[in-house]
Amino acid sequence: MKRRLPEDLARLADAQPAAEKFDSVVVDEAQDFGGLWWSSLLRCLRDPERGGVVVFLDEAQHVFPRDGAVPLDTPPFVLDENLRSTKPIAQLFGAFSDDVVRPRSRAGAPVRVVDVPYDAAVAAADDAVEALLDEGWPPGEIALLTTGRRHEAQRLAVELGGGHAAYWDDFFAGTDVFYGHVLGFKGLERNVVVLAVNGFRETERARRLLYTGLSRARFQLVVVGPRDELERVGGEAVRRRLEDAQAWVPVAH
């Protein structure tokens, strides 16, 4: 798959007349863009030598085992301000990264932490969603994301709800609580994110998975999982940020 898809792109690009190709190409999440894709991508341009290529990447979200290096001589422009999330959210996920990103948005509500073991995280996250709904948050503004095993609601939505196309149609409709995995939610956001830290398939990727999952929330973030493990993975900077978080035991009515 890693080789077949970029090779298919190159073949299709070569079969197109120049008029059907592009003046410029934008690549997002380029830290996970495999090395084989770049030459195929350039063949999609009308003029591979002078065509425009704009690349966005965040090495702190390099969560797939791929070579994400950009083999192009492009002038870098560092985006050092966070415009998506409130200050408490940005400060917490920023503590998982070595880069300094200034939160530009308003203070906002404190991050909530539900301190439970890995194996209790999904059930406690379900309780958190119910409590948030009771508080008045619209269902379409809430996403429940997992770091380990996928939520049963996500599996059923794909297998019984019409496949992946219908699953993502539901997300973009924004009418119900969305259940997903951090790896499938890169580049997306919701006003409220409940992050169920229910373990990691590969422990060496834990830090980047947490950074990615935490950074999906705009206004309210609820972290559900073992607090001591969050501090162990994140280190002293994360421990200090969690001191400002609100310990929470969600109760649905």
Protein backbone atom coordinates (compact mmCIF):
# COMPACT_ATOMS: atom_id res chain seq x y z
CA MET A 1 0.00 0.00 0.00
CA LYS A 2 2.82 2.43 0.87
CA ARG A 3 4.34 1.88 -2.56
CA ARG A 4 1.27 1.14 -4.67
CA LEU A 5 -0.66 4.34 -3.94
CA PRO A 6 2.13 6.83 -4.79
CA GLU A 7 2.98 4.78 -7.87
CA ASP A 8 -0.68 4.92 -8.91
CA LEU A 9 -0.64 8.69 -8.46
CA ALA A 10 2.44 9.00 -10.68
CA ARG A 11 0.86 6.83 -13.36
CA LEU A 12 -2.38 8.82 -13.34
CA ALA A 13 -0.51 12.14 -13.37
CA ASP A 14 1.57 11.08 -16.36
CA ALA A 15 -1.60 10.15 -18.23
CA GLN A 16 -3.11 13.64 -17.83
CA PRO A 17 -2.55 16.42 -20.38
CA ALA A 18 -0.76 19.49 -19.02
CA ALA A 19 -3.99 21.52 -19.11
CA GLU A 20 -5.55 19.12 -16.56
CA LYS A 21 -2.68 19.42 -14.10
CA PHE A 22 -2.20 21.97 -11.31
CA ASP A 23 -0.32 25.24 -10.95
CA SER A 24 0.21 24.63 -7.23
CA VAL A 25 -0.27 21.88 -4.67
CA VAL A 26 -0.86 22.23 -0.91
CA VAL A 27 0.19 19.39 1.40
CA ASP A 28 -1.17 19.34 4.95
CA GLU A 29 0.04 17.03 7.76
CA ALA A 30 3.23 16.62 5.74
CA GLN A 31 5.11 15.13 8.70
CA ASP A 32 3.25 11.89 7.88
CA PHE A 33 3.67 12.18 4.11
CA GLY A 34 5.75 9.18 3.04
CA GLY A 35 8.92 9.83 1.05
CA LEU A 36 7.67 7.99 -2.05
CA TRP A 37 4.86 10.50 -2.51
CA TRP A 38 6.97 13.54 -3.29
CA SER A 39 8.15 12.67 -6.78
CA SER A 40 4.63 11.57 -7.70
CA LEU A 41 3.22 14.80 -6.32
CA LEU A 42 5.53 16.94 -8.44
CA ARG A 43 4.32 15.13 -11.56
CA CYS A 44 0.85 16.53 -10.85
CA LEU A 45 2.14 20.05 -11.57
CA ARG A 46 1.98 21.69 -14.98
CA ASP A 47 5.55 22.85 -14.43
CA PRO A 48 7.38 20.66 -11.87
CA GLU A 49 10.36 23.04 -11.85
CA ARG A 50 8.49 26.29 -11.21
CA GLY A 51 5.11 25.15 -9.91
CA GLY A 52 3.99 26.11 -6.42
CA VAL A 53 4.27 23.68 -3.50
CA VAL A 54 3.09 24.75 -0.04
CA VAL A 55 3.74 22.33 2.82
CA PHE A 56 2.29 22.44 6.35
CA LEU A 57 3.71 20.16 9.03
CA ASP A 58 4.11 19.76 12.77
CA GLU A 59 6.83 17.34 13.81
CA ALA A 60 5.24 16.98 17.25
CA GLN A 61 2.37 15.17 15.48
CA HIS A 62 4.61 12.75 13.60
CA VAL A 63 2.61 9.74 14.82
CA PHE A 64 2.87 7.36 11.84
CA PRO A 65 6.00 5.26 11.17
CA ARG A 66 6.81 7.00 7.88
CA ASP A 67 9.60 9.14 6.53
CA GLY A 68 7.98 12.58 6.66
CA ALA A 69 11.00 14.65 5.60
CA VAL A 70 10.26 17.18 2.85
CA PRO A 71 12.88 16.70 0.08
CA LEU A 72 12.22 20.15 -1.38
CA ASP A 73 14.15 23.38 -1.09
CA THR A 74 11.32 25.43 0.39
CA PRO A 75 11.80 28.52 2.61
CA PRO A 76 10.43 27.77 6.11
CA PHE A 77 7.95 30.01 7.90
CA VAL A 78 7.36 29.09 11.53
CA LEU A 79 3.82 29.49 12.87
CA ASP A 80 4.45 30.20 16.55
CA GLU A 81 0.96 31.22 17.68
CA ASN A 82 -1.96 28.95 18.54
CA LEU A 83 -5.26 30.30 17.25
CA ARG A 84 -7.47 27.26 17.75
CA SER A 85 -7.57 26.53 21.45
CA THR A 86 -8.11 28.45 24.66
CA LYS A 87 -5.05 29.25 26.73
CA PRO A 88 -5.34 26.37 29.25
CA ILE A 89 -5.70 23.81 26.46
CA ALA A 90 -2.83 25.25 24.41
CA GLN A 91 -0.54 25.38 27.43
CA LEU A 92 -1.20 21.74 28.32
CA PHE A 93 -0.65 20.21 24.90
CA GLY A 94 2.23 22.62 24.29
CA ALA A 95 4.01 21.08 27.27
CA PHE A 96 4.24 17.83 25.25
CA SER A 97 6.24 19.57 22.51
CA ASP A 98 9.76 20.97 22.38
CA ASP A 99 8.59 23.91 20.25
CA VAL A 100 7.38 27.13 21.85
CA VAL A 101 3.93 28.12 20.59
CA ARG A 102 2.26 31.14 22.15
CA PRO A 103 -1.47 30.81 22.87
CA ARG A 104 -3.18 33.84 21.39
CA SER A 105 -6.76 33.08 22.46
CA ARG A 106 -8.60 33.96 25.65
CA ALA A 107 -8.18 32.21 28.98
CA GLY A 108 -11.18 29.88 28.86
CA ALA A 109 -12.29 27.09 31.17
CA PRO A 110 -9.70 24.95 32.95
CA VAL A 111 -8.85 21.55 31.52
CA ARG A 112 -10.71 18.81 33.38
CA VAL A 113 -8.92 15.61 34.40
CA VAL A 114 -10.69 12.37 35.28
CA ASP A 115 -8.03 10.24 36.97
CA VAL A 116 -8.79 6.57 36.23
CA PRO A 117 -6.72 3.56 35.06
CA TYR A 118 -6.29 2.80 31.38
CA ASP A 119 -8.89 0.03 31.44
CA ALA A 120 -11.53 2.30 32.97
CA ALA A 121 -10.90 5.28 30.68
CA VAL A 122 -13.52 4.56 28.00
CA ALA A 123 -16.36 3.98 30.49
CA ALA A 124 -15.39 7.13 32.41
CA ALA A 125 -15.20 9.06 29.12
CA ASP A 126 -18.76 7.96 28.32
CA ASP A 127 -19.83 9.34 31.71
CA ALA A 128 -18.01 12.60 30.89
CA VAL A 129 -19.90 12.95 27.61
CA GLU A 130 -23.22 12.43 29.38
CA ALA A 131 -22.32 15.01 32.02
CA LEU A 132 -21.29 17.53 29.37
CA LEU A 133 -24.59 17.02 27.57
CA ASP A 134 -26.37 17.65 30.88
CA GLU A 135 -24.40 20.90 31.19
CA GLY A 136 -25.91 22.05 27.91
CA TRP A 137 -23.20 21.31 25.37
CA PRO A 138 -24.81 20.39 22.01
CA PRO A 139 -24.00 16.81 20.92
CA GLY A 140 -22.53 18.01 17.63
CA GLU A 141 -19.86 20.00 19.45
CA ILE A 142 -18.43 17.00 21.33
CA ALA A 143 -15.89 14.42 20.17
CA LEU A 144 -14.75 11.43 22.21
CA LEU A 145 -11.31 10.27 21.06
CA THR A 146 -9.32 7.26 22.19
CA THR A 147 -5.56 6.66 22.17
CA GLY A 148 -5.65 2.85 22.28
CA ARG A 149 -8.49 0.52 21.35
CA ARG A 150 -11.25 2.21 19.38
CA HIS A 151 -14.56 2.98 21.04
CA GLU A 152 -17.29 0.45 20.37
CA ALA A 153 -19.53 3.24 19.08
CA GLN A 154 -16.93 4.03 16.40
CA ARG A 155 -16.72 0.41 15.29
CA LEU A 156 -20.50 0.07 15.06
CA ALA A 157 -20.85 3.37 13.21
CA VAL A 158 -18.50 2.13 10.49
CA GLU A 159 -19.65 -1.49 10.30
CA LEU A 160 -23.40 -0.98 10.67
CA GLY A 161 -23.88 2.67 9.74
CA GLY A 162 -22.93 2.64 6.07
CA GLY A 163 -19.14 2.38 6.07
CA HIS A 164 -16.42 5.01 6.36
CA ALA A 165 -18.09 7.45 3.95
CA ALA A 166 -21.26 7.63 6.06
CA TYR A 167 -19.18 7.76 9.24
CA TRP A 168 -17.36 10.89 8.05
CA ASP A 169 -20.55 12.38 6.63
CA ASP A 170 -21.91 12.24 10.18
CA PHE A 171 -18.87 14.07 11.49
CA PHE A 172 -19.18 16.92 9.01
CA ALA A 173 -22.94 17.13 9.61
CA GLY A 174 -22.06 18.02 13.21
CA THR A 175 -25.35 16.87 14.71
CA ASP A 176 -24.21 14.15 17.11
CA VAL A 177 -21.37 13.16 19.42
CA PHE A 178 -18.45 11.93 17.31
CA TYR A 179 -16.49 8.84 18.35
CA GLY A 180 -13.05 8.47 16.86
CA HIS A 181 -9.38 7.66 17.37
CA VAL A 182 -6.62 10.25 17.69
CA LEU A 183 -4.89 8.87 14.58
CA GLY A 184 -8.00 9.48 12.48
CA PHE A 185 -8.70 12.94 13.88
CA LYS A 186 -5.46 14.66 12.90
CA GLY A 187 -6.16 18.04 11.36
CA LEU A 188 -9.72 18.12 12.73
CA GLU A 189 -11.27 19.81 15.76
CA ARG A 190 -14.38 20.17 17.87
CA ASN A 191 -15.36 22.69 20.51
CA VAL A 192 -15.29 19.96 23.18
CA VAL A 193 -12.95 16.97 23.19
CA VAL A 194 -13.05 14.12 25.68
CA LEU A 195 -9.72 12.31 25.34
CA ALA A 196 -9.90 8.75 26.65
CA VAL A 197 -6.30 7.75 27.38
CA ASN A 198 -6.89 3.99 27.24
CA GLY A 199 -3.35 2.89 26.48
CA PHE A 200 -1.05 2.98 23.47
CA ARG A 201 -0.34 0.37 20.83
CA GLU A 202 3.25 1.61 20.63
CA THR A 203 4.55 3.26 23.80
CA GLU A 204 7.26 5.18 21.93
CA ARG A 205 4.52 7.17 20.19
CA ALA A 206 2.62 8.01 23.38
CA ARG A 207 3.94 11.56 23.70
CA ARG A 208 2.98 12.51 20.15
CA LEU A 209 -0.41 10.84 20.38
CA LEU A 210 -1.20 12.79 23.53
CA TYR A 211 -0.04 16.05 21.95
CA THR A 212 -2.24 15.42 18.91
CA GLY A 213 -5.30 14.36 20.89
CA LEU A 214 -5.14 17.22 23.37
CA SER A 215 -4.73 19.80 20.62
CA ARG A 216 -8.04 18.91 18.91
CA ALA A 217 -10.15 20.81 21.46
CA ARG A 218 -11.13 24.45 21.03
CA PHE A 219 -13.00 25.49 24.20
CA GLN A 220 -13.28 22.54 26.61
CA LEU A 221 -10.91 19.63 27.08
CA VAL A 222 -11.52 16.63 29.30
CA VAL A 223 -8.64 14.19 29.79
CA VAL A 224 -9.68 10.76 31.06
CA GLY A 225 -6.95 8.35 32.11
CA PRO A 226 -4.17 7.74 34.64
CA ARG A 227 -2.79 11.11 35.64
CA ASP A 228 0.51 9.65 36.81
CA GLU A 229 1.07 8.17 33.35
CA LEU A 230 0.36 11.53 31.70
CA GLU A 231 2.98 13.09 33.95
CA ARG A 232 5.45 10.27 33.32
CA VAL A 233 5.12 10.59 29.54
CA GLY A 234 5.07 14.39 29.54
CA GLY A 235 7.62 15.09 32.22
CA GLU A 236 7.92 18.04 34.57
CA ALA A 237 6.40 20.59 32.17
CA VAL A 238 3.20 18.56 31.90
CA ARG A 239 3.08 17.97 35.66
CA ARG A 240 3.18 21.75 36.25
CA ARG A 241 0.40 22.38 33.72
CA LEU A 242 -1.79 19.69 35.27
CA GLU A 243 -1.58 21.53 38.58
CA ASP A 244 -3.86 24.13 36.99
CA ALA A 245 -6.32 21.50 35.77
CA GLN A 246 -9.62 20.71 37.47
CA ALA A 247 -9.95 17.24 38.99
CA TRP A 248 -13.38 16.04 37.89
CA VAL A 249 -15.72 13.18 38.67
CA PRO A 250 -18.44 13.39 36.00
CA VAL A 251 -21.96 12.70 37.18
CA ALA A 252 -24.77 12.44 34.62
CA HIS A 253 -28.34 13.17 35.69
